[in-house]
N, C-alpha and C. Protein backbone atom coordinates (compact mmCIF):
# COMPACT_ATOMS: atom_id res chain seq x y z
N MET A 1 -2.74 -36.66 -56.58
CA MET A 1 -1.92 -36.68 -57.57
C MET A 1 -2.19 -35.48 -58.55
N ALA A 2 -1.07 -34.79 -58.91
CA ALA A 2 -1.29 -33.47 -59.74
C ALA A 2 -1.24 -33.97 -61.17
N ASP A 3 -2.11 -33.21 -62.09
CA ASP A 3 -1.90 -33.31 -63.54
C ASP A 3 -2.27 -32.05 -64.09
N ASP A 4 -2.40 -32.06 -65.46
CA ASP A 4 -2.64 -30.78 -66.15
C ASP A 4 -4.06 -30.35 -66.33
N GLY A 5 -4.98 -31.11 -65.68
CA GLY A 5 -6.32 -30.85 -65.88
C GLY A 5 -6.91 -31.43 -67.25
N GLY A 6 -6.13 -31.98 -68.10
CA GLY A 6 -6.49 -32.66 -69.33
C GLY A 6 -7.28 -31.82 -70.23
N GLY A 7 -7.51 -32.34 -71.50
CA GLY A 7 -8.33 -31.70 -72.48
C GLY A 7 -8.23 -30.18 -72.64
N PHE A 8 -9.37 -29.55 -72.80
CA PHE A 8 -9.60 -28.17 -73.01
C PHE A 8 -8.86 -27.28 -71.96
N ALA A 9 -9.28 -27.79 -70.57
CA ALA A 9 -8.85 -27.09 -69.45
C ALA A 9 -7.35 -27.07 -69.39
N GLY A 10 -6.77 -28.27 -69.75
CA GLY A 10 -5.25 -28.41 -69.85
C GLY A 10 -4.59 -27.42 -70.71
N ARG A 11 -5.28 -27.56 -71.99
CA ARG A 11 -4.59 -26.35 -72.98
C ARG A 11 -4.78 -25.01 -72.63
N LEU A 12 -5.79 -24.58 -71.73
CA LEU A 12 -5.95 -23.25 -71.29
C LEU A 12 -4.86 -22.89 -70.29
N GLY A 13 -4.32 -23.92 -69.62
CA GLY A 13 -3.39 -23.76 -68.62
C GLY A 13 -3.73 -24.10 -67.08
N ALA A 14 -4.79 -24.79 -66.98
CA ALA A 14 -5.27 -25.24 -65.68
C ALA A 14 -4.41 -26.48 -65.20
N THR A 15 -4.08 -26.50 -63.92
CA THR A 15 -3.32 -27.53 -63.29
C THR A 15 -4.02 -27.97 -62.10
N VAL A 16 -4.35 -29.43 -62.02
CA VAL A 16 -4.95 -30.00 -61.02
C VAL A 16 -3.88 -30.21 -59.95
N GLU A 17 -3.92 -29.50 -58.94
CA GLU A 17 -2.88 -29.54 -57.84
C GLU A 17 -3.22 -30.82 -56.78
N ALA A 18 -4.42 -31.08 -56.68
CA ALA A 18 -4.86 -31.96 -55.70
C ALA A 18 -6.29 -32.63 -56.04
N ALA A 19 -6.48 -33.71 -55.78
CA ALA A 19 -7.75 -34.43 -56.04
C ALA A 19 -7.93 -35.72 -55.22
N ASP A 20 -8.74 -35.69 -54.25
CA ASP A 20 -9.02 -36.93 -53.35
C ASP A 20 -10.14 -36.73 -52.48
N ASP A 21 -10.89 -37.85 -52.12
CA ASP A 21 -11.99 -37.96 -51.16
C ASP A 21 -13.00 -36.86 -51.58
N GLY A 22 -13.46 -36.63 -52.77
CA GLY A 22 -14.60 -35.65 -52.98
C GLY A 22 -14.17 -34.31 -53.03
N SER A 23 -12.76 -34.02 -53.24
CA SER A 23 -12.43 -32.59 -53.22
C SER A 23 -11.32 -32.41 -54.38
N ALA A 24 -11.07 -31.24 -54.80
CA ALA A 24 -10.15 -31.01 -55.76
C ALA A 24 -9.71 -29.55 -55.71
N ARG A 25 -8.39 -29.20 -56.00
CA ARG A 25 -7.92 -27.88 -56.16
C ARG A 25 -7.18 -27.77 -57.56
N VAL A 26 -7.62 -26.67 -58.08
CA VAL A 26 -6.95 -26.35 -59.44
C VAL A 26 -6.29 -24.99 -59.40
N ALA A 27 -5.15 -24.81 -59.99
CA ALA A 27 -4.43 -23.70 -59.93
C ALA A 27 -4.28 -23.12 -61.46
N PHE A 28 -4.37 -21.74 -61.49
CA PHE A 28 -4.54 -21.03 -62.83
C PHE A 28 -3.69 -19.91 -62.82
N GLU A 29 -2.89 -19.63 -64.05
CA GLU A 29 -2.37 -18.29 -64.05
C GLU A 29 -2.92 -17.47 -65.16
N VAL A 30 -3.81 -16.43 -64.85
CA VAL A 30 -4.57 -15.55 -65.55
C VAL A 30 -3.36 -14.73 -66.27
N THR A 31 -3.38 -14.76 -67.75
CA THR A 31 -2.54 -13.85 -68.53
C THR A 31 -3.40 -13.01 -69.41
N GLU A 32 -2.77 -12.15 -70.26
CA GLU A 32 -3.60 -11.16 -71.04
C GLU A 32 -4.49 -12.02 -71.96
N GLU A 33 -4.07 -13.15 -72.40
CA GLU A 33 -4.98 -13.81 -73.33
C GLU A 33 -6.30 -14.30 -72.69
N HIS A 34 -6.41 -14.33 -71.46
CA HIS A 34 -7.46 -14.68 -70.76
C HIS A 34 -8.43 -13.64 -70.42
N LEU A 35 -8.14 -12.26 -70.80
CA LEU A 35 -8.92 -11.19 -70.46
C LEU A 35 -10.12 -10.84 -71.39
N ASN A 36 -11.02 -10.25 -70.92
CA ASN A 36 -12.12 -9.82 -71.90
C ASN A 36 -11.87 -8.42 -72.32
N PRO A 37 -12.63 -7.74 -73.12
CA PRO A 37 -12.39 -6.44 -73.63
C PRO A 37 -12.32 -5.27 -72.54
N ALA A 38 -12.92 -5.76 -71.31
CA ALA A 38 -12.84 -4.70 -70.11
C ALA A 38 -11.44 -4.92 -69.30
N GLY A 39 -10.71 -5.88 -69.80
CA GLY A 39 -9.47 -6.03 -69.18
C GLY A 39 -9.52 -6.72 -67.86
N THR A 40 -10.54 -7.72 -67.61
CA THR A 40 -10.74 -8.50 -66.48
C THR A 40 -10.85 -10.07 -67.05
N LEU A 41 -10.85 -11.03 -66.21
CA LEU A 41 -10.79 -12.47 -66.50
C LEU A 41 -12.08 -12.69 -67.14
N HIS A 42 -12.07 -13.29 -68.43
CA HIS A 42 -13.22 -13.64 -69.17
C HIS A 42 -14.13 -14.75 -68.33
N GLY A 43 -15.50 -14.45 -68.35
CA GLY A 43 -16.27 -15.25 -67.49
C GLY A 43 -16.26 -16.63 -67.91
N GLY A 44 -16.02 -16.93 -69.27
CA GLY A 44 -16.26 -18.25 -69.79
C GLY A 44 -14.90 -19.10 -69.44
N VAL A 45 -13.73 -18.30 -69.19
CA VAL A 45 -12.55 -19.05 -68.78
C VAL A 45 -12.78 -19.47 -67.20
N LEU A 46 -13.57 -18.64 -66.36
CA LEU A 46 -13.72 -18.87 -64.93
C LEU A 46 -14.84 -20.02 -65.01
N ALA A 47 -15.72 -20.20 -65.82
CA ALA A 47 -16.69 -21.13 -65.81
C ALA A 47 -16.08 -22.51 -66.20
N THR A 48 -15.07 -22.52 -67.08
CA THR A 48 -14.35 -23.67 -67.38
C THR A 48 -13.54 -24.17 -66.31
N LEU A 49 -12.83 -23.21 -65.56
CA LEU A 49 -12.11 -23.56 -64.43
C LEU A 49 -12.98 -24.24 -63.35
N VAL A 50 -14.17 -23.66 -62.87
CA VAL A 50 -14.85 -24.22 -61.72
C VAL A 50 -15.67 -25.67 -62.37
N ASP A 51 -15.91 -25.69 -63.61
CA ASP A 51 -16.45 -26.98 -63.97
C ASP A 51 -15.43 -28.10 -64.06
N THR A 52 -14.20 -27.77 -64.44
CA THR A 52 -13.00 -28.67 -64.36
C THR A 52 -12.88 -29.26 -62.85
N ALA A 53 -12.74 -28.21 -62.02
CA ALA A 53 -12.33 -28.55 -60.51
C ALA A 53 -13.51 -29.49 -60.07
N MET A 54 -14.80 -29.02 -60.18
CA MET A 54 -15.84 -29.80 -59.80
C MET A 54 -16.11 -31.18 -60.33
N GLY A 55 -15.73 -31.26 -61.69
CA GLY A 55 -15.83 -32.64 -62.30
C GLY A 55 -14.59 -33.56 -61.78
N THR A 56 -13.50 -32.89 -61.41
CA THR A 56 -12.40 -33.63 -60.83
C THR A 56 -12.83 -34.18 -59.52
N ALA A 57 -13.45 -33.33 -58.70
CA ALA A 57 -13.80 -33.85 -57.35
C ALA A 57 -14.88 -34.89 -57.49
N VAL A 58 -15.64 -34.79 -58.31
CA VAL A 58 -16.68 -35.83 -58.45
C VAL A 58 -16.18 -37.17 -58.86
N ARG A 59 -15.19 -37.16 -59.77
CA ARG A 59 -14.48 -38.36 -60.09
C ARG A 59 -13.83 -39.14 -58.98
N THR A 60 -13.25 -38.20 -57.91
CA THR A 60 -12.68 -38.84 -56.86
C THR A 60 -13.68 -39.54 -55.94
N ALA A 61 -14.94 -39.29 -56.11
CA ALA A 61 -15.98 -39.94 -55.04
C ALA A 61 -16.90 -40.96 -56.07
N THR A 62 -16.62 -41.35 -57.12
CA THR A 62 -17.31 -42.18 -57.85
C THR A 62 -16.61 -43.43 -58.28
N GLY A 63 -17.17 -44.51 -58.85
CA GLY A 63 -16.55 -45.68 -59.27
C GLY A 63 -15.90 -45.50 -60.75
N ASP A 64 -14.87 -46.38 -61.06
CA ASP A 64 -14.22 -46.26 -62.23
C ASP A 64 -15.17 -46.33 -63.51
N ASP A 65 -16.32 -46.90 -63.28
CA ASP A 65 -17.31 -47.01 -64.44
C ASP A 65 -18.21 -45.89 -64.56
N ASP A 66 -18.10 -44.96 -63.65
CA ASP A 66 -19.18 -43.59 -63.64
C ASP A 66 -18.25 -42.56 -64.25
N VAL A 67 -19.14 -42.01 -65.18
CA VAL A 67 -18.54 -40.77 -65.98
C VAL A 67 -19.45 -39.52 -65.50
N PRO A 68 -18.93 -38.50 -64.80
CA PRO A 68 -19.66 -37.47 -64.48
C PRO A 68 -19.95 -36.49 -65.68
N ALA A 69 -21.24 -36.10 -65.94
CA ALA A 69 -21.50 -35.25 -66.91
C ALA A 69 -22.15 -33.96 -66.36
N THR A 70 -21.70 -32.67 -66.62
CA THR A 70 -22.27 -31.65 -66.13
C THR A 70 -23.64 -31.39 -66.59
N SER A 71 -24.81 -31.45 -65.78
CA SER A 71 -26.09 -31.28 -66.29
C SER A 71 -26.69 -29.96 -65.77
N GLN A 72 -25.97 -29.20 -64.97
CA GLN A 72 -26.33 -27.89 -64.46
C GLN A 72 -25.21 -27.15 -63.94
N LEU A 73 -24.92 -25.84 -64.26
CA LEU A 73 -23.86 -25.08 -63.81
C LEU A 73 -24.27 -23.69 -63.58
N THR A 74 -24.09 -23.24 -62.39
CA THR A 74 -24.35 -21.91 -61.92
C THR A 74 -23.08 -21.20 -61.50
N VAL A 75 -22.67 -20.14 -62.11
CA VAL A 75 -21.49 -19.39 -61.64
C VAL A 75 -21.78 -18.11 -61.13
N THR A 76 -21.50 -17.53 -59.93
CA THR A 76 -21.61 -16.37 -59.42
C THR A 76 -20.36 -15.60 -59.37
N TYR A 77 -20.32 -14.45 -60.10
CA TYR A 77 -19.09 -13.74 -60.26
C TYR A 77 -18.98 -12.67 -59.35
N LEU A 78 -18.15 -12.65 -58.24
CA LEU A 78 -18.31 -11.76 -57.23
C LEU A 78 -17.48 -10.73 -57.38
N ARG A 79 -16.38 -10.69 -57.96
CA ARG A 79 -15.45 -9.57 -58.26
C ARG A 79 -14.82 -9.94 -59.47
N PRO A 80 -14.13 -8.81 -60.31
CA PRO A 80 -13.51 -9.08 -61.43
C PRO A 80 -12.01 -9.92 -61.17
N GLY A 81 -11.80 -10.90 -61.96
CA GLY A 81 -10.36 -11.45 -61.91
C GLY A 81 -9.48 -10.58 -62.68
N LYS A 82 -8.29 -10.67 -62.38
CA LYS A 82 -7.19 -9.93 -63.09
C LYS A 82 -6.01 -10.86 -63.40
N PRO A 83 -5.09 -10.27 -64.24
CA PRO A 83 -3.82 -11.23 -64.29
C PRO A 83 -3.11 -11.67 -63.04
N GLY A 84 -2.57 -12.90 -63.08
CA GLY A 84 -2.10 -13.40 -61.86
C GLY A 84 -2.63 -14.68 -61.61
N ALA A 85 -1.97 -15.36 -60.36
CA ALA A 85 -2.43 -16.70 -59.95
C ALA A 85 -3.84 -16.68 -59.32
N LEU A 86 -4.48 -17.78 -59.72
CA LEU A 86 -5.89 -18.14 -58.81
C LEU A 86 -5.86 -19.34 -58.43
N GLN A 87 -6.93 -19.70 -57.54
CA GLN A 87 -6.98 -21.07 -57.25
C GLN A 87 -8.56 -21.38 -57.16
N VAL A 88 -8.93 -22.55 -57.61
CA VAL A 88 -10.24 -23.09 -57.55
C VAL A 88 -10.18 -24.34 -56.49
N THR A 89 -11.22 -24.19 -55.39
CA THR A 89 -11.22 -25.38 -54.72
C THR A 89 -12.68 -25.85 -54.71
N ALA A 90 -12.92 -27.19 -54.99
CA ALA A 90 -14.30 -27.85 -55.20
C ALA A 90 -14.39 -28.87 -54.27
N ARG A 91 -15.65 -29.11 -53.82
CA ARG A 91 -15.98 -30.25 -53.06
C ARG A 91 -17.38 -30.75 -53.44
N VAL A 92 -17.52 -32.01 -53.18
CA VAL A 92 -18.80 -32.65 -53.36
C VAL A 92 -19.63 -32.34 -52.14
N ARG A 93 -20.80 -31.89 -52.35
CA ARG A 93 -21.81 -31.64 -51.28
C ARG A 93 -22.74 -32.61 -51.15
N THR A 94 -23.33 -33.28 -52.11
CA THR A 94 -24.36 -34.36 -51.98
C THR A 94 -24.21 -35.36 -53.06
N LYS A 95 -24.02 -36.56 -52.76
CA LYS A 95 -23.94 -37.70 -53.82
C LYS A 95 -25.12 -38.58 -53.62
N GLY A 96 -25.87 -38.51 -54.79
CA GLY A 96 -27.05 -39.52 -54.97
C GLY A 96 -26.50 -40.58 -55.75
N GLU A 97 -27.67 -41.51 -56.15
CA GLU A 97 -27.36 -42.54 -57.06
C GLU A 97 -27.15 -42.14 -58.41
N HIS A 98 -27.64 -41.22 -58.93
CA HIS A 98 -27.69 -40.79 -60.34
C HIS A 98 -27.19 -39.29 -60.48
N LEU A 99 -27.29 -38.49 -59.45
CA LEU A 99 -26.91 -37.13 -59.49
C LEU A 99 -26.05 -36.83 -58.39
N THR A 100 -24.94 -35.93 -58.64
CA THR A 100 -24.22 -35.51 -57.63
C THR A 100 -24.04 -33.94 -57.68
N VAL A 101 -24.22 -33.30 -56.48
CA VAL A 101 -24.03 -31.83 -56.34
C VAL A 101 -22.71 -31.36 -55.85
N CYS A 102 -22.00 -30.32 -56.51
CA CYS A 102 -20.79 -30.02 -56.06
C CYS A 102 -20.71 -28.51 -55.86
N GLU A 103 -19.84 -27.86 -55.11
CA GLU A 103 -19.55 -26.46 -54.92
C GLU A 103 -17.98 -26.16 -55.13
N ALA A 104 -17.70 -25.01 -55.68
CA ALA A 104 -16.42 -24.50 -55.92
C ALA A 104 -16.49 -22.99 -55.49
N ASP A 105 -15.06 -22.76 -54.92
CA ASP A 105 -14.88 -21.29 -54.61
C ASP A 105 -13.71 -21.10 -55.37
N VAL A 106 -13.54 -19.78 -56.02
CA VAL A 106 -12.42 -19.07 -56.68
C VAL A 106 -11.74 -18.05 -55.91
N GLU A 107 -10.45 -18.17 -55.53
CA GLU A 107 -9.92 -17.11 -54.90
C GLU A 107 -8.64 -16.53 -55.67
N GLN A 108 -8.36 -15.21 -55.49
CA GLN A 108 -7.26 -14.62 -56.25
C GLN A 108 -6.86 -13.44 -55.25
N ASP A 109 -5.49 -13.60 -54.82
CA ASP A 109 -5.01 -12.58 -53.81
C ASP A 109 -5.64 -12.79 -52.48
N GLY A 110 -6.02 -14.07 -52.15
CA GLY A 110 -6.69 -14.10 -50.87
C GLY A 110 -8.22 -13.50 -50.81
N ARG A 111 -8.72 -13.31 -51.92
CA ARG A 111 -10.21 -12.70 -52.03
C ARG A 111 -11.01 -13.60 -52.95
N ALA A 112 -12.24 -13.86 -52.40
CA ALA A 112 -13.16 -14.54 -53.29
C ALA A 112 -13.43 -13.76 -54.45
N ILE A 113 -13.31 -14.35 -55.79
CA ILE A 113 -13.74 -13.74 -57.13
C ILE A 113 -14.95 -14.48 -57.49
N GLY A 114 -15.30 -15.78 -57.19
CA GLY A 114 -16.34 -16.36 -57.69
C GLY A 114 -16.83 -17.68 -56.84
N HIS A 115 -18.04 -18.01 -57.19
CA HIS A 115 -18.57 -19.27 -56.30
C HIS A 115 -19.41 -20.00 -57.58
N ALA A 116 -19.35 -21.20 -57.55
CA ALA A 116 -20.20 -22.07 -58.48
C ALA A 116 -20.80 -23.26 -57.73
N VAL A 117 -22.07 -23.54 -58.37
CA VAL A 117 -22.62 -24.81 -57.91
C VAL A 117 -23.14 -25.61 -59.23
N ALA A 118 -22.83 -26.96 -59.27
CA ALA A 118 -23.14 -27.71 -60.43
C ALA A 118 -23.72 -29.02 -59.93
N THR A 119 -24.58 -29.64 -60.74
CA THR A 119 -25.08 -30.97 -60.80
C THR A 119 -24.56 -31.76 -61.85
N PHE A 120 -24.04 -32.92 -61.49
CA PHE A 120 -23.51 -33.75 -62.30
C PHE A 120 -24.30 -35.08 -62.41
N ALA A 121 -24.67 -35.54 -63.61
CA ALA A 121 -25.39 -36.82 -63.88
C ALA A 121 -24.22 -37.80 -63.90
N LEU A 122 -24.27 -39.01 -63.21
CA LEU A 122 -23.43 -40.09 -63.36
C LEU A 122 -23.76 -41.08 -64.41
N LEU A 123 -23.01 -40.98 -65.54
CA LEU A 123 -23.15 -42.08 -66.62
C LEU A 123 -22.47 -43.13 -66.41
N HIS A 124 -23.10 -44.29 -66.68
CA HIS A 124 -22.38 -45.57 -66.53
C HIS A 124 -21.80 -46.11 -67.89
N ARG A 125 -20.42 -46.28 -67.81
CA ARG A 125 -20.01 -46.98 -69.16
C ARG A 125 -20.44 -48.34 -69.53
């Protein structure tokens, strides 16, 4: 089921295109407002996108009473992003009782521009 990513990521323009069975795909259109002074995609925007995609993937693999909270996020910037469409693909790698590890890849124009790994704590409502 697709949605707008909700909250901050949705206001930024992220769209969740798919989310099922421990994976998620987020689409994003980089515009001038998302660029840093060097004219490339701002690193904080990319960090928000990977965090959103991975959090969405984790939610597809947990119970309704579990709320994933990012406890660690590492983003590797492989090459500069530019204006235009990009996609983030996330997947759960390891799911424990209290912690879940996820990975995400960011591609633009068929090329990898970023990779991320995150640990999510599962908070119980």
